[in-house]
């Protein structure tokens, strides 16, 4: 087989061909850098079971400094959702004076195992509670997730307030 340079091809066609190949390589490389994976969040392990998100979250301030979070335990067919083992409570605490536009950074503040909860009346939707003392001068944001063995639920709606 003859190399491409030995085959009779006009010089201008050969230059156009090289130029098109060069442009294709540059565009392919540029597209791979720009596109990336498309997900802008920390990675986490895939879960096989998807638990339901916590719903009907409420908060109130007791005794002028104690936060009371409450939420409904996810139920399915009159009993607690199968595979549900507990709840994780995450908090972001930002100073009102220093951090007006800072990004939210959540940290785990409580892990509540469901094995301590006894649901006697399954006709009512049972609720869980969490209490914490607050400090003045902060913006608080809370979210709650469910978890189980090999399973994780979606985040609840964020509860945000200034104190």
N, C-alpha and C. Protein backbone atom coordinates (compact mmCIF):
# COMPACT_ATOMS: atom_id res chain seq x y z
N UNK A 1 0.84 -1.17 0.00
CA UNK A 1 0.00 0.00 0.00
C UNK A 1 0.89 1.24 0.00
N UNK A 2 0.52 2.17 -0.80
CA UNK A 2 1.31 3.38 -0.94
C UNK A 2 0.95 4.39 0.13
N UNK A 3 1.94 5.10 0.68
CA UNK A 3 1.61 6.17 1.62
C UNK A 3 0.85 7.28 0.91
N UNK A 4 0.13 8.07 1.72
CA UNK A 4 -0.73 9.12 1.18
C UNK A 4 0.05 10.13 0.35
N UNK A 5 1.29 10.40 0.72
CA UNK A 5 2.07 11.39 -0.02
C UNK A 5 2.46 10.90 -1.41
N UNK A 6 2.52 9.58 -1.62
CA UNK A 6 2.89 9.06 -2.93
C UNK A 6 1.69 8.96 -3.87
N UNK A 7 0.50 8.96 -3.33
CA UNK A 7 -0.70 8.96 -4.18
C UNK A 7 -0.84 10.37 -4.73
N UNK A 8 -1.23 10.43 -5.98
CA UNK A 8 -1.34 11.75 -6.58
C UNK A 8 -2.61 12.44 -6.10
N UNK A 9 -2.43 13.41 -5.18
CA UNK A 9 -3.51 14.27 -4.70
C UNK A 9 -2.97 15.67 -4.80
N UNK A 10 -3.77 16.57 -5.33
CA UNK A 10 -3.29 17.95 -5.44
C UNK A 10 -2.89 18.51 -4.06
N UNK A 11 -1.90 19.36 -4.06
CA UNK A 11 -1.35 19.92 -2.82
C UNK A 11 -2.42 20.66 -2.01
N UNK A 12 -3.29 21.43 -2.63
CA UNK A 12 -4.28 22.20 -1.90
C UNK A 12 -5.32 21.28 -1.24
N UNK A 13 -5.67 20.14 -1.85
CA UNK A 13 -6.61 19.19 -1.27
C UNK A 13 -5.98 18.52 -0.05
N UNK A 14 -4.69 18.19 -0.14
CA UNK A 14 -3.98 17.59 0.97
C UNK A 14 -3.93 18.54 2.17
N UNK A 15 -3.71 19.82 1.91
CA UNK A 15 -3.66 20.80 2.99
C UNK A 15 -5.04 20.98 3.62
N UNK A 16 -6.10 20.99 2.80
CA UNK A 16 -7.46 21.09 3.33
C UNK A 16 -7.79 19.88 4.21
N UNK A 17 -7.39 18.70 3.77
CA UNK A 17 -7.64 17.48 4.53
C UNK A 17 -6.94 17.53 5.89
N UNK A 18 -5.68 17.95 5.92
CA UNK A 18 -4.93 18.06 7.17
C UNK A 18 -5.58 19.10 8.08
N UNK A 19 -6.03 20.20 7.51
CA UNK A 19 -6.68 21.26 8.28
C UNK A 19 -7.98 20.74 8.90
N UNK A 20 -8.79 20.01 8.18
CA UNK A 20 -10.06 19.48 8.69
C UNK A 20 -9.80 18.48 9.81
N UNK A 21 -8.80 17.61 9.64
CA UNK A 21 -8.46 16.65 10.69
C UNK A 21 -7.99 17.38 11.94
N UNK A 22 -7.17 18.39 11.79
CA UNK A 22 -6.69 19.17 12.94
C UNK A 22 -7.85 19.84 13.67
N UNK A 23 -8.78 20.44 12.93
CA UNK A 23 -9.94 21.09 13.54
C UNK A 23 -10.79 20.06 14.29
N UNK A 24 -10.99 18.88 13.72
CA UNK A 24 -11.78 17.83 14.37
C UNK A 24 -11.14 17.39 15.69
N UNK A 25 -9.83 17.24 15.70
CA UNK A 25 -9.13 16.85 16.92
C UNK A 25 -9.25 17.94 17.98
N UNK A 26 -9.06 19.19 17.60
CA UNK A 26 -9.15 20.31 18.55
C UNK A 26 -10.57 20.42 19.11
N UNK A 27 -11.59 20.30 18.28
CA UNK A 27 -12.98 20.38 18.74
C UNK A 27 -13.33 19.23 19.68
N UNK A 28 -12.88 18.04 19.36
CA UNK A 28 -13.15 16.88 20.23
C UNK A 28 -12.50 17.07 21.59
N UNK A 29 -11.26 17.52 21.61
CA UNK A 29 -10.57 17.75 22.88
C UNK A 29 -11.24 18.86 23.68
N UNK A 30 -11.61 19.95 23.02
CA UNK A 30 -12.28 21.08 23.70
C UNK A 30 -13.62 20.66 24.27
N UNK A 31 -14.39 19.90 23.52
CA UNK A 31 -15.70 19.44 23.99
C UNK A 31 -15.56 18.55 25.22
N UNK A 32 -14.54 17.70 25.24
CA UNK A 32 -14.37 16.82 26.40
C UNK A 32 -13.99 17.62 27.65
N UNK A 33 -13.27 18.72 27.49
CA UNK A 33 -12.92 19.55 28.65
C UNK A 33 -14.12 20.33 29.16
N UNK A 34 -14.93 20.84 28.26
CA UNK A 34 -16.06 21.69 28.64
C UNK A 34 -17.20 20.87 29.24
N UNK A 35 -17.52 19.76 28.64
CA UNK A 35 -18.68 18.99 29.05
C UNK A 35 -18.48 18.35 30.41
N UNK A 36 -17.39 17.66 30.64
CA UNK A 36 -17.16 16.99 31.92
C UNK A 36 -18.24 15.98 32.22
N UNK A 37 -18.50 15.74 33.51
CA UNK A 37 -19.51 14.75 33.87
C UNK A 37 -20.88 15.38 34.05
N UNK A 38 -20.96 16.69 34.22
CA UNK A 38 -22.25 17.36 34.32
C UNK A 38 -22.82 17.40 35.73
N UNK A 39 -22.18 16.80 36.70
CA UNK A 39 -22.70 16.80 38.06
C UNK A 39 -21.76 17.60 38.95
N UNK A 40 -22.25 18.68 39.53
CA UNK A 40 -21.42 19.57 40.34
C UNK A 40 -21.71 19.35 41.82
N UNK A 41 -21.44 18.17 42.33
CA UNK A 41 -21.66 17.86 43.74
C UNK A 41 -20.66 16.78 44.15
N UNK A 42 -20.42 16.67 45.45
CA UNK A 42 -19.53 15.60 45.89
C UNK A 42 -20.11 14.23 45.54
N UNK A 43 -19.28 13.28 45.19
CA UNK A 43 -19.80 11.96 44.85
C UNK A 43 -20.25 11.20 46.09
N UNK A 44 -21.23 10.31 45.91
CA UNK A 44 -21.63 9.41 46.98
C UNK A 44 -21.99 8.07 46.38
N UNK A 45 -21.90 7.05 47.20
CA UNK A 45 -22.11 5.68 46.72
C UNK A 45 -23.54 5.49 46.23
N UNK A 46 -23.74 4.73 45.17
CA UNK A 46 -25.11 4.47 44.71
C UNK A 46 -25.83 3.55 45.69
N UNK A 47 -27.10 3.76 45.84
CA UNK A 47 -27.91 2.94 46.72
C UNK A 47 -28.94 2.18 45.89
N UNK A 48 -29.24 0.98 46.31
CA UNK A 48 -30.17 0.15 45.57
C UNK A 48 -31.61 0.44 45.97
N UNK A 49 -31.83 0.79 47.23
CA UNK A 49 -33.18 1.08 47.71
C UNK A 49 -33.28 2.58 47.92
N UNK A 50 -34.33 3.17 47.42
CA UNK A 50 -34.54 4.61 47.63
C UNK A 50 -35.63 4.79 48.68
N UNK A 51 -35.27 5.33 49.82
CA UNK A 51 -36.24 5.59 50.88
C UNK A 51 -36.95 6.91 50.61
N UNK A 52 -38.17 7.06 51.11
CA UNK A 52 -38.89 8.33 50.89
C UNK A 52 -38.28 9.46 51.72
N UNK A 53 -38.46 10.65 51.24
CA UNK A 53 -37.97 11.83 51.96
C UNK A 53 -38.89 12.13 53.13
N UNK A 54 -38.35 12.79 54.13
CA UNK A 54 -39.12 13.22 55.29
C UNK A 54 -40.05 14.35 54.84
N UNK A 55 -41.31 14.30 55.30
CA UNK A 55 -42.29 15.32 54.92
C UNK A 55 -42.88 15.97 56.16
N UNK A 56 -43.55 17.07 55.91
CA UNK A 56 -44.23 17.84 56.95
C UNK A 56 -43.30 18.20 58.10
N UNK A 57 -42.17 18.80 57.74
CA UNK A 57 -41.23 19.26 58.75
C UNK A 57 -41.73 20.59 59.33
N UNK A 58 -41.59 20.73 60.62
CA UNK A 58 -42.01 21.95 61.32
C UNK A 58 -40.93 22.32 62.32
N UNK A 59 -40.89 23.60 62.65
CA UNK A 59 -39.97 24.02 63.72
C UNK A 59 -40.66 25.06 64.57
N UNK A 60 -40.25 25.14 65.82
CA UNK A 60 -40.70 26.20 66.71
C UNK A 60 -39.60 26.47 67.73
N UNK A 61 -39.60 27.69 68.25
CA UNK A 61 -38.61 28.09 69.25
C UNK A 61 -39.30 28.04 70.61
N UNK A 62 -38.74 27.25 71.51
CA UNK A 62 -39.29 27.09 72.85
C UNK A 62 -38.40 27.82 73.85
N UNK A 63 -39.01 28.42 74.86
CA UNK A 63 -38.28 29.08 75.94
C UNK A 63 -37.25 30.08 75.43
N UNK A 64 -37.51 30.67 74.29
CA UNK A 64 -36.71 31.73 73.69
C UNK A 64 -35.31 31.33 73.24
N UNK A 65 -34.94 30.04 73.33
CA UNK A 65 -33.61 29.65 72.86
C UNK A 65 -33.51 28.20 72.39
N UNK A 66 -34.53 27.41 72.59
CA UNK A 66 -34.47 25.99 72.23
C UNK A 66 -35.27 25.74 70.96
N UNK A 67 -34.61 25.13 70.00
CA UNK A 67 -35.26 24.77 68.74
C UNK A 67 -35.91 23.40 68.89
N UNK A 68 -37.13 23.28 68.39
CA UNK A 68 -37.80 21.98 68.33
C UNK A 68 -38.15 21.70 66.88
N UNK A 69 -37.46 20.71 66.28
CA UNK A 69 -37.78 20.25 64.93
C UNK A 69 -38.68 19.03 65.05
N UNK A 70 -39.69 18.95 64.19
CA UNK A 70 -40.52 17.75 64.18
C UNK A 70 -40.85 17.41 62.73
N UNK A 71 -41.05 16.12 62.48
CA UNK A 71 -41.36 15.65 61.13
C UNK A 71 -42.13 14.34 61.21
N UNK A 72 -42.77 14.03 60.11
CA UNK A 72 -43.58 12.82 60.04
C UNK A 72 -42.71 11.62 59.67
N UNK A 73 -42.90 10.50 60.34
CA UNK A 73 -42.18 9.27 60.00
C UNK A 73 -42.81 8.71 58.72
N UNK A 74 -42.02 8.40 57.70
CA UNK A 74 -42.58 7.85 56.46
C UNK A 74 -43.25 6.49 56.71
N UNK A 75 -44.49 6.38 56.28
CA UNK A 75 -45.28 5.16 56.47
C UNK A 75 -45.64 4.56 55.11
N UNK A 76 -45.82 3.22 55.12
CA UNK A 76 -46.26 2.52 53.92
C UNK A 76 -47.21 1.40 54.36
N UNK A 77 -48.42 1.46 53.87
CA UNK A 77 -49.45 0.46 54.20
C UNK A 77 -49.67 0.32 55.71
N UNK A 78 -49.71 1.43 56.41
CA UNK A 78 -50.01 1.41 57.83
C UNK A 78 -48.87 1.07 58.77
N UNK A 79 -47.67 0.88 58.25
CA UNK A 79 -46.52 0.61 59.11
C UNK A 79 -45.33 1.44 58.63
N UNK A 80 -44.31 1.48 59.44
CA UNK A 80 -43.11 2.25 59.08
C UNK A 80 -42.52 1.67 57.80
N UNK A 81 -42.06 2.54 56.90
CA UNK A 81 -41.50 2.12 55.61
C UNK A 81 -40.44 1.04 55.81
N UNK A 82 -40.56 -0.09 55.10
CA UNK A 82 -39.58 -1.16 55.24
C UNK A 82 -38.17 -0.67 54.87
N UNK A 83 -37.20 -1.07 55.66
CA UNK A 83 -35.81 -0.69 55.40
C UNK A 83 -35.38 0.58 56.11
N UNK A 84 -36.34 1.34 56.64
CA UNK A 84 -36.01 2.59 57.32
C UNK A 84 -35.40 2.28 58.68
N UNK A 85 -34.21 2.82 58.92
CA UNK A 85 -33.52 2.57 60.19
C UNK A 85 -33.31 3.82 61.03
N UNK A 86 -33.40 5.00 60.42
CA UNK A 86 -33.19 6.20 61.21
C UNK A 86 -33.17 7.47 60.39
N UNK A 87 -32.80 8.55 61.06
CA UNK A 87 -32.80 9.88 60.46
C UNK A 87 -31.48 10.58 60.76
N UNK A 88 -30.96 11.29 59.79
CA UNK A 88 -29.79 12.14 59.97
C UNK A 88 -30.25 13.59 59.89
N UNK A 89 -29.82 14.39 60.85
CA UNK A 89 -30.16 15.81 60.87
C UNK A 89 -28.89 16.59 60.56
N UNK A 90 -28.98 17.43 59.54
CA UNK A 90 -27.85 18.25 59.10
C UNK A 90 -28.16 19.72 59.36
N UNK A 91 -27.12 20.47 59.72
CA UNK A 91 -27.28 21.89 60.03
C UNK A 91 -26.20 22.71 59.34
N UNK A 92 -26.61 23.87 58.85
CA UNK A 92 -25.67 24.89 58.39
C UNK A 92 -25.88 26.10 59.29
N UNK A 93 -24.80 26.59 59.88
CA UNK A 93 -24.87 27.69 60.84
C UNK A 93 -23.94 28.79 60.36
N UNK A 94 -24.51 29.91 59.92
CA UNK A 94 -23.72 31.02 59.39
C UNK A 94 -23.95 32.27 60.22
N UNK A 95 -22.88 33.00 60.46
CA UNK A 95 -22.96 34.25 61.22
C UNK A 95 -23.71 35.30 60.41
N UNK A 96 -24.64 35.98 61.05
CA UNK A 96 -25.39 37.04 60.36
C UNK A 96 -24.51 38.24 60.04
N UNK A 97 -23.53 38.53 60.89
CA UNK A 97 -22.68 39.70 60.70
C UNK A 97 -21.63 39.47 59.61
N UNK A 98 -21.02 38.30 59.58
CA UNK A 98 -19.88 38.07 58.70
C UNK A 98 -20.23 37.41 57.38
N UNK A 99 -21.30 36.67 57.33
CA UNK A 99 -21.51 35.77 56.20
C UNK A 99 -22.88 35.96 55.55
N UNK A 100 -23.05 37.02 54.79
CA UNK A 100 -24.33 37.26 54.13
C UNK A 100 -24.53 36.35 52.91
N UNK A 101 -23.50 36.20 52.10
CA UNK A 101 -23.63 35.42 50.86
C UNK A 101 -22.75 34.18 50.85
N UNK A 102 -22.38 33.67 52.00
CA UNK A 102 -21.55 32.48 52.07
C UNK A 102 -22.34 31.24 51.63
N UNK A 103 -21.67 30.26 51.04
CA UNK A 103 -22.38 29.04 50.65
C UNK A 103 -22.74 28.21 51.89
N UNK A 104 -23.82 27.44 51.78
CA UNK A 104 -24.24 26.59 52.89
C UNK A 104 -23.34 25.37 52.97
N UNK A 105 -22.85 25.10 54.16
CA UNK A 105 -22.04 23.90 54.41
C UNK A 105 -22.73 23.14 55.54
N UNK A 106 -23.33 22.02 55.18
CA UNK A 106 -24.07 21.25 56.17
C UNK A 106 -23.14 20.28 56.90
N UNK A 107 -23.39 20.12 58.19
CA UNK A 107 -22.68 19.13 58.99
C UNK A 107 -23.71 18.28 59.72
N UNK A 108 -23.38 17.02 59.91
CA UNK A 108 -24.26 16.11 60.64
C UNK A 108 -24.25 16.48 62.11
N UNK A 109 -25.43 16.79 62.67
CA UNK A 109 -25.50 17.16 64.08
C UNK A 109 -26.16 16.08 64.93
N UNK A 110 -26.95 15.21 64.31
CA UNK A 110 -27.61 14.16 65.07
C UNK A 110 -27.98 12.99 64.17
N UNK A 111 -27.79 11.80 64.72
CA UNK A 111 -28.19 10.56 64.06
C UNK A 111 -29.20 9.90 65.00
N UNK A 112 -30.45 9.85 64.58
CA UNK A 112 -31.51 9.30 65.43
C UNK A 112 -31.90 7.94 64.88
N UNK A 113 -31.60 6.88 65.63
CA UNK A 113 -31.95 5.52 65.21
C UNK A 113 -33.44 5.28 65.46
N UNK A 114 -34.07 4.58 64.57
CA UNK A 114 -35.50 4.33 64.66
C UNK A 114 -35.82 3.15 65.57
N UNK A 115 -34.82 2.38 65.98
CA UNK A 115 -35.09 1.20 66.81
C UNK A 115 -35.59 1.55 68.20
N UNK A 116 -35.42 2.80 68.61
CA UNK A 116 -35.89 3.24 69.93
C UNK A 116 -37.33 3.74 69.89
N UNK A 117 -37.90 3.89 68.70
CA UNK A 117 -39.25 4.43 68.55
C UNK A 117 -40.26 3.30 68.51
N UNK A 118 -41.32 3.44 69.29
CA UNK A 118 -42.39 2.46 69.27
C UNK A 118 -43.64 3.16 68.74
N UNK A 119 -44.19 2.60 67.67
CA UNK A 119 -45.40 3.17 67.07
C UNK A 119 -46.57 2.29 67.50
N UNK A 120 -47.42 2.84 68.39
CA UNK A 120 -48.52 2.04 68.89
C UNK A 120 -49.78 2.21 68.03
N UNK A 121 -50.05 3.41 67.58
CA UNK A 121 -51.24 3.66 66.78
C UNK A 121 -50.81 3.99 65.36
N UNK A 122 -50.94 3.02 64.45
CA UNK A 122 -50.49 3.23 63.08
C UNK A 122 -51.49 3.98 62.23
N UNK A 123 -52.69 4.24 62.77
CA UNK A 123 -53.68 5.02 62.00
C UNK A 123 -53.27 6.48 61.96
N UNK A 124 -52.67 6.95 63.05
CA UNK A 124 -52.13 8.30 63.07
C UNK A 124 -50.75 8.26 62.46
N UNK A 125 -50.35 9.35 61.86
CA UNK A 125 -49.00 9.44 61.30
C UNK A 125 -48.07 9.88 62.43
N UNK A 126 -47.20 8.99 62.89
CA UNK A 126 -46.31 9.35 64.01
C UNK A 126 -45.27 10.38 63.60
N UNK A 127 -44.86 11.18 64.57
CA UNK A 127 -43.89 12.24 64.32
C UNK A 127 -42.66 12.03 65.19
N UNK A 128 -41.52 12.48 64.67
CA UNK A 128 -40.26 12.47 65.41
C UNK A 128 -39.93 13.90 65.81
N UNK A 129 -39.07 14.03 66.85
CA UNK A 129 -38.67 15.35 67.32
C UNK A 129 -37.16 15.39 67.57
N UNK A 130 -36.65 16.59 67.43
CA UNK A 130 -35.24 16.86 67.75
C UNK A 130 -35.19 18.23 68.40
N UNK A 131 -34.42 18.36 69.48
CA UNK A 131 -34.29 19.65 70.17
C UNK A 131 -32.82 20.04 70.28
N UNK A 132 -32.60 21.36 70.21
CA UNK A 132 -31.23 21.89 70.28
C UNK A 132 -31.28 23.32 70.79
N UNK A 133 -30.32 23.70 71.63
CA UNK A 133 -30.20 25.09 72.08
C UNK A 133 -29.51 25.91 71.00
N UNK A 134 -30.02 27.10 70.75
CA UNK A 134 -29.51 27.98 69.70
C UNK A 134 -28.68 29.12 70.28
N UNK A 135 -27.81 29.69 69.44
CA UNK A 135 -27.03 30.86 69.82
C UNK A 135 -27.54 32.05 68.99
N UNK A 136 -27.53 33.21 69.59
CA UNK A 136 -28.00 34.42 68.90
C UNK A 136 -27.02 34.85 67.81
N UNK A 137 -27.55 35.49 66.76
CA UNK A 137 -26.71 36.09 65.72
C UNK A 137 -26.33 35.15 64.59
N UNK A 138 -27.11 34.12 64.35
CA UNK A 138 -26.79 33.16 63.30
C UNK A 138 -27.98 32.89 62.41
N UNK A 139 -27.68 32.53 61.17
CA UNK A 139 -28.70 32.01 60.25
C UNK A 139 -28.59 30.49 60.30
N UNK A 140 -29.66 29.82 60.67
CA UNK A 140 -29.68 28.36 60.77
C UNK A 140 -30.46 27.78 59.60
N UNK A 141 -29.91 26.72 59.03
CA UNK A 141 -30.60 25.96 57.99
C UNK A 141 -30.47 24.49 58.34
N UNK A 142 -31.61 23.80 58.38
CA UNK A 142 -31.63 22.38 58.72
C UNK A 142 -32.24 21.58 57.58
N UNK A 143 -31.79 20.33 57.45
CA UNK A 143 -32.42 19.38 56.56
C UNK A 143 -32.30 18.00 57.19
N UNK A 144 -33.25 17.13 56.86
CA UNK A 144 -33.33 15.81 57.47
C UNK A 144 -33.35 14.77 56.35
N UNK A 145 -32.60 13.69 56.52
CA UNK A 145 -32.63 12.60 55.56
C UNK A 145 -32.92 11.29 56.28
N UNK A 146 -33.50 10.35 55.55
CA UNK A 146 -33.74 9.02 56.08
C UNK A 146 -32.60 8.12 55.62
N UNK A 147 -32.36 7.06 56.39
CA UNK A 147 -31.36 6.08 55.97
C UNK A 147 -31.77 4.69 56.43
N UNK A 148 -31.17 3.70 55.83
CA UNK A 148 -31.39 2.31 56.19
C UNK A 148 -30.21 1.50 55.69
N UNK A 149 -30.27 0.21 55.88
CA UNK A 149 -29.17 -0.65 55.45
C UNK A 149 -29.12 -0.66 53.93
N UNK A 150 -28.07 -0.10 53.35
CA UNK A 150 -27.93 -0.04 51.90
C UNK A 150 -28.90 0.92 51.24
N UNK A 151 -29.45 1.85 51.99
CA UNK A 151 -30.45 2.77 51.42
C UNK A 151 -30.26 4.17 52.00
N UNK A 152 -30.66 5.13 51.22
CA UNK A 152 -30.61 6.53 51.64
C UNK A 152 -31.79 7.26 51.03
N UNK A 153 -32.40 8.13 51.79
CA UNK A 153 -33.52 8.93 51.29
C UNK A 153 -33.06 10.28 50.79
N UNK A 154 -33.94 10.94 50.08
CA UNK A 154 -33.65 12.29 49.62
C UNK A 154 -33.73 13.26 50.78
N UNK A 155 -33.14 14.44 50.59
CA UNK A 155 -33.18 15.48 51.62
C UNK A 155 -34.61 16.01 51.77
N UNK A 156 -34.95 16.37 53.00
CA UNK A 156 -36.23 17.05 53.23
C UNK A 156 -36.12 18.48 52.73
N UNK A 157 -37.22 19.19 52.75
CA UNK A 157 -37.15 20.62 52.44
C UNK A 157 -36.33 21.30 53.53
N UNK A 158 -35.56 22.29 53.13
CA UNK A 158 -34.71 22.99 54.09
C UNK A 158 -35.54 23.90 54.99
N UNK A 159 -35.20 23.90 56.27
CA UNK A 159 -35.84 24.78 57.24
C UNK A 159 -34.82 25.87 57.55
N UNK A 160 -35.16 27.10 57.25
CA UNK A 160 -34.22 28.20 57.38
C UNK A 160 -34.82 29.32 58.23
N UNK A 161 -34.03 29.86 59.16
CA UNK A 161 -34.47 30.99 59.97
C UNK A 161 -33.26 31.70 60.57
N UNK A 162 -33.44 32.95 60.92
CA UNK A 162 -32.42 33.74 61.61
C UNK A 162 -32.75 33.77 63.09
N UNK A 163 -31.73 33.71 63.90
CA UNK A 163 -31.95 33.74 65.36
C UNK A 163 -30.95 34.69 65.98
